[in-house]
């Protein structure tokens, strides 16, 4: 799967696109840079995302890229607030995790499938960072 820091991507995707790319990875794993940019512009025009890649309407983004999967629920780690499906629900096929970045106000998003396979939209080796459990802010469930 393409990485957020791929120089062929739109500058806003490179800077803020981890959640956007995690959603695209739910649909498929062989995105080309031109395709990602095309979806970015379509989603932006339709109000599905904002210019900084904040996913405002996850259901619509998934539909735009042709997957029938939908957000089923989630949990906020700090207060345990849950909505929709519980984390152990058999319908859940993917989890998008929201992380607090160290020494920053920014957040980062990663994707896991039910087999435990992991997609980090940013190239962690190149960026020289590590995510730790204490940085986990919440999860969104998709199925």
C-alpha atoms as a PDB file:
ATOM      1  CA  UNK A   1       0.000   0.000   0.000  1.00  0.00           C
ATOM      2  CA  UNK A   2       1.188   3.489  -0.812  1.00  0.00           C
ATOM      3  CA  UNK A   3       2.697   5.486   2.058  1.00  0.00           C
ATOM      4  CA  UNK A   4       1.691   8.965   3.147  1.00  0.00           C
ATOM      5  CA  UNK A   5       5.203  10.322   2.643  1.00  0.00           C
ATOM      6  CA  UNK A   6       5.301   9.268  -1.038  1.00  0.00           C
ATOM      7  CA  UNK A   7       6.436  12.418  -2.869  1.00  0.00           C
ATOM      8  CA  UNK A   8       3.989  11.755  -5.730  1.00  0.00           C
ATOM      9  CA  UNK A   9       1.010  12.463  -3.450  1.00  0.00           C
ATOM     10  CA  UNK A  10      -0.673  15.849  -2.961  1.00  0.00           C
ATOM     11  CA  UNK A  11       1.134  17.898  -0.276  1.00  0.00           C
ATOM     12  CA  UNK A  12      -1.885  17.843   2.082  1.00  0.00           C
ATOM     13  CA  UNK A  13      -2.032  14.031   1.892  1.00  0.00           C
ATOM     14  CA  UNK A  14       1.683  13.870   2.703  1.00  0.00           C
ATOM     15  CA  UNK A  15       1.168  16.142   5.705  1.00  0.00           C
ATOM     16  CA  UNK A  16      -2.198  14.962   7.075  1.00  0.00           C
ATOM     17  CA  UNK A  17      -3.385  11.943   5.091  1.00  0.00           C
ATOM     18  CA  UNK A  18      -2.952   9.007   7.486  1.00  0.00           C
ATOM     19  CA  UNK A  19      -6.665   8.646   8.383  1.00  0.00           C
ATOM     20  CA  UNK A  20      -7.682   9.193   4.746  1.00  0.00           C
ATOM     21  CA  UNK A  21      -5.205   6.521   3.554  1.00  0.00           C
ATOM     22  CA  UNK A  22      -6.256   4.090   6.300  1.00  0.00           C
ATOM     23  CA  UNK A  23      -9.833   4.339   5.025  1.00  0.00           C
ATOM     24  CA  UNK A  24      -8.690   3.774   1.430  1.00  0.00           C
ATOM     25  CA  UNK A  25      -6.729   0.688   2.555  1.00  0.00           C
ATOM     26  CA  UNK A  26      -9.983  -0.855   3.794  1.00  0.00           C
ATOM     27  CA  UNK A  27     -11.142  -0.967   0.168  1.00  0.00           C
ATOM     28  CA  UNK A  28      -7.914  -2.227  -1.424  1.00  0.00           C
ATOM     29  CA  UNK A  29      -4.139  -2.283  -1.052  1.00  0.00           C
ATOM     30  CA  UNK A  30      -2.876  -1.476  -4.549  1.00  0.00           C
ATOM     31  CA  UNK A  31      -3.618   2.249  -4.828  1.00  0.00           C
ATOM     32  CA  UNK A  32      -1.492   4.287  -7.225  1.00  0.00           C
ATOM     33  CA  UNK A  33      -0.553   7.875  -6.329  1.00  0.00           C
ATOM     34  CA  UNK A  34      -2.719   9.261  -9.155  1.00  0.00           C
ATOM     35  CA  UNK A  35      -5.727   7.281  -7.902  1.00  0.00           C
ATOM     36  CA  UNK A  36      -5.257   8.489  -4.323  1.00  0.00           C
ATOM     37  CA  UNK A  37      -5.025  12.096  -5.530  1.00  0.00           C
ATOM     38  CA  UNK A  38      -8.156  11.620  -7.655  1.00  0.00           C
ATOM     39  CA  UNK A  39     -10.125  10.267  -4.673  1.00  0.00           C
ATOM     40  CA  UNK A  40      -8.764  13.119  -2.519  1.00  0.00           C
ATOM     41  CA  UNK A  41     -10.127  15.727  -4.942  1.00  0.00           C
ATOM     42  CA  UNK A  42     -13.493  13.961  -5.362  1.00  0.00           C
ATOM     43  CA  UNK A  43     -13.907  13.545  -1.592  1.00  0.00           C
ATOM     44  CA  UNK A  44     -12.915  17.174  -1.017  1.00  0.00           C
ATOM     45  CA  UNK A  45     -15.428  18.422  -3.615  1.00  0.00           C
ATOM     46  CA  UNK A  46     -18.187  16.328  -2.026  1.00  0.00           C
ATOM     47  CA  UNK A  47     -17.414  17.483   1.528  1.00  0.00           C
ATOM     48  CA  UNK A  48     -16.448  13.963   2.625  1.00  0.00           C
ATOM     49  CA  UNK A  49     -13.042  15.237   3.783  1.00  0.00           C
ATOM     50  CA  UNK A  50     -11.667  18.703   4.388  1.00  0.00           C
ATOM     51  CA  UNK A  51      -8.547  20.135   2.709  1.00  0.00           C
ATOM     52  CA  UNK A  52      -6.364  18.741   5.523  1.00  0.00           C
ATOM     53  CA  UNK A  53      -7.680  15.198   4.912  1.00  0.00           C
ATOM     54  CA  UNK A  54      -9.876  15.090   8.015  1.00  0.00           C
ATOM     55  CA  UNK A  55     -12.424  12.380   7.263  1.00  0.00           C
ATOM     56  CA  UNK A  56     -15.784  14.022   7.998  1.00  0.00           C
ATOM     57  CA  UNK A  57     -18.008  11.296   6.523  1.00  0.00           C
ATOM     58  CA  UNK A  58     -16.347   7.857   6.758  1.00  0.00           C
ATOM     59  CA  UNK A  59     -19.359   5.991   5.341  1.00  0.00           C
ATOM     60  CA  UNK A  60     -19.389   8.188   2.237  1.00  0.00           C
ATOM     61  CA  UNK A  61     -15.625   7.835   1.751  1.00  0.00           C
ATOM     62  CA  UNK A  62     -15.899   4.038   1.864  1.00  0.00           C
ATOM     63  CA  UNK A  63     -18.799   4.137  -0.612  1.00  0.00           C
ATOM     64  CA  UNK A  64     -16.830   6.474  -2.902  1.00  0.00           C
ATOM     65  CA  UNK A  65     -14.011   3.919  -3.151  1.00  0.00           C
ATOM     66  CA  UNK A  66     -16.439   1.083  -3.784  1.00  0.00           C
ATOM     67  CA  UNK A  67     -16.541  -0.918  -0.580  1.00  0.00           C
ATOM     68  CA  UNK A  68     -19.791  -1.971   1.111  1.00  0.00           C
ATOM     69  CA  UNK A  69     -18.069  -1.939   4.528  1.00  0.00           C
ATOM     70  CA  UNK A  70     -19.262   0.617   7.058  1.00  0.00           C
ATOM     71  CA  UNK A  71     -18.254   2.042  10.409  1.00  0.00           C
ATOM     72  CA  UNK A  72     -19.870  -0.182  13.048  1.00  0.00           C
ATOM     73  CA  UNK A  73     -18.714   1.447  16.266  1.00  0.00           C
ATOM     74  CA  UNK A  74     -15.759   2.592  18.290  1.00  0.00           C
ATOM     75  CA  UNK A  75     -14.251   3.332  21.655  1.00  0.00           C
ATOM     76  CA  UNK A  76     -12.539   6.336  23.276  1.00  0.00           C
ATOM     77  CA  UNK A  77      -9.725   4.929  25.421  1.00  0.00           C
ATOM     78  CA  UNK A  78      -9.495   7.771  27.985  1.00  0.00           C
ATOM     79  CA  UNK A  79     -13.065   7.475  29.254  1.00  0.00           C
ATOM     80  CA  UNK A  80     -14.083   4.051  27.921  1.00  0.00           C
ATOM     81  CA  UNK A  81     -16.966   5.582  25.961  1.00  0.00           C
ATOM     82  CA  UNK A  82     -18.202   3.079  23.361  1.00  0.00           C
ATOM     83  CA  UNK A  83     -20.732   3.326  20.575  1.00  0.00           C
ATOM     84  CA  UNK A  84     -22.145   0.749  18.191  1.00  0.00           C
ATOM     85  CA  UNK A  85     -20.506  -2.667  17.913  1.00  0.00           C
ATOM     86  CA  UNK A  86     -18.230  -3.857  20.715  1.00  0.00           C
ATOM     87  CA  UNK A  87     -14.563  -4.563  20.001  1.00  0.00           C
ATOM     88  CA  UNK A  88     -15.019  -8.359  20.047  1.00  0.00           C
ATOM     89  CA  UNK A  89     -18.005  -8.355  17.625  1.00  0.00           C
ATOM     90  CA  UNK A  90     -17.478 -10.968  14.876  1.00  0.00           C
ATOM     91  CA  UNK A  91     -18.726  -8.506  12.226  1.00  0.00           C
ATOM     92  CA  UNK A  92     -15.680  -6.278  12.722  1.00  0.00           C
ATOM     93  CA  UNK A  93     -13.154  -6.784   9.923  1.00  0.00           C
ATOM     94  CA  UNK A  94     -10.978  -3.674  10.404  1.00  0.00           C
ATOM     95  CA  UNK A  95      -9.943  -1.325  13.190  1.00  0.00           C
ATOM     96  CA  UNK A  96      -8.585   2.161  12.661  1.00  0.00           C
ATOM     97  CA  UNK A  97      -6.552   3.261  15.673  1.00  0.00           C
ATOM     98  CA  UNK A  98      -6.086   6.930  16.591  1.00  0.00           C
ATOM     99  CA  UNK A  99      -2.785   7.779  18.271  1.00  0.00           C
ATOM    100  CA  UNK A 100      -1.417  10.890  19.975  1.00  0.00           C
ATOM    101  CA  UNK A 101       1.928  11.853  18.509  1.00  0.00           C
ATOM    102  CA  UNK A 102       4.662  12.466  21.045  1.00  0.00           C
ATOM    103  CA  UNK A 103       5.634  16.089  21.622  1.00  0.00           C
ATOM    104  CA  UNK A 104       2.950  17.269  19.193  1.00  0.00           C
ATOM    105  CA  UNK A 105      -0.706  18.259  19.067  1.00  0.00           C
ATOM    106  CA  UNK A 106      -1.149  16.087  15.980  1.00  0.00           C
ATOM    107  CA  UNK A 107      -2.666  12.623  15.820  1.00  0.00           C
ATOM    108  CA  UNK A 108      -1.808   9.596  13.707  1.00  0.00           C
ATOM    109  CA  UNK A 109      -4.000   6.768  12.371  1.00  0.00           C
ATOM    110  CA  UNK A 110      -3.189   3.129  11.593  1.00  0.00           C
ATOM    111  CA  UNK A 111      -5.242   0.191  10.317  1.00  0.00           C
ATOM    112  CA  UNK A 112      -5.468  -3.455  11.423  1.00  0.00           C
ATOM    113  CA  UNK A 113      -7.486  -6.234   9.841  1.00  0.00           C
ATOM    114  CA  UNK A 114      -9.012  -9.122  11.788  1.00  0.00           C
ATOM    115  CA  UNK A 115      -5.934 -11.270  11.071  1.00  0.00           C
ATOM    116  CA  UNK A 116      -3.728  -8.757  12.877  1.00  0.00           C
ATOM    117  CA  UNK A 117      -2.111  -7.468   9.677  1.00  0.00           C
ATOM    118  CA  UNK A 118      -1.076  -3.878  10.099  1.00  0.00           C
ATOM    119  CA  UNK A 119      -0.911  -0.847   7.787  1.00  0.00           C
ATOM    120  CA  UNK A 120       0.802   2.329   8.943  1.00  0.00           C
ATOM    121  CA  UNK A 121       0.192   5.025   6.315  1.00  0.00           C
ATOM    122  CA  UNK A 122       3.477   6.733   7.196  1.00  0.00           C
ATOM    123  CA  UNK A 123       6.834   5.056   6.674  1.00  0.00           C
ATOM    124  CA  UNK A 124       7.862   4.689  10.325  1.00  0.00           C
ATOM    125  CA  UNK A 125      11.361   3.471   9.483  1.00  0.00           C
ATOM    126  CA  UNK A 126      12.023   6.550   7.380  1.00  0.00           C
ATOM    127  CA  UNK A 127      10.472   8.866   9.987  1.00  0.00           C
ATOM    128  CA  UNK A 128      12.244   7.078  12.863  1.00  0.00           C
ATOM    129  CA  UNK A 129       9.255   6.935  15.217  1.00  0.00           C
ATOM    130  CA  UNK A 130       7.498   4.313  17.298  1.00  0.00           C
ATOM    131  CA  UNK A 131       3.900   4.112  18.529  1.00  0.00           C
ATOM    132  CA  UNK A 132       3.413   2.928  22.102  1.00  0.00           C
ATOM    133  CA  UNK A 133       0.235   1.709  23.796  1.00  0.00           C
ATOM    134  CA  UNK A 134       0.043   4.763  26.067  1.00  0.00           C
ATOM    135  CA  UNK A 135      -0.360   6.942  22.980  1.00  0.00           C
ATOM    136  CA  UNK A 136      -3.535   5.119  21.848  1.00  0.00           C
ATOM    137  CA  UNK A 137      -6.550   7.462  21.983  1.00  0.00           C
ATOM    138  CA  UNK A 138      -9.308   5.410  20.404  1.00  0.00           C
ATOM    139  CA  UNK A 139     -10.498   2.855  17.872  1.00  0.00           C
ATOM    140  CA  UNK A 140     -13.095   2.846  15.113  1.00  0.00           C
ATOM    141  CA  UNK A 141     -14.565  -0.484  14.001  1.00  0.00           C
ATOM    142  CA  UNK A 142     -15.480  -1.349  10.404  1.00  0.00           C
ATOM    143  CA  UNK A 143     -17.261  -4.336   8.928  1.00  0.00           C
END
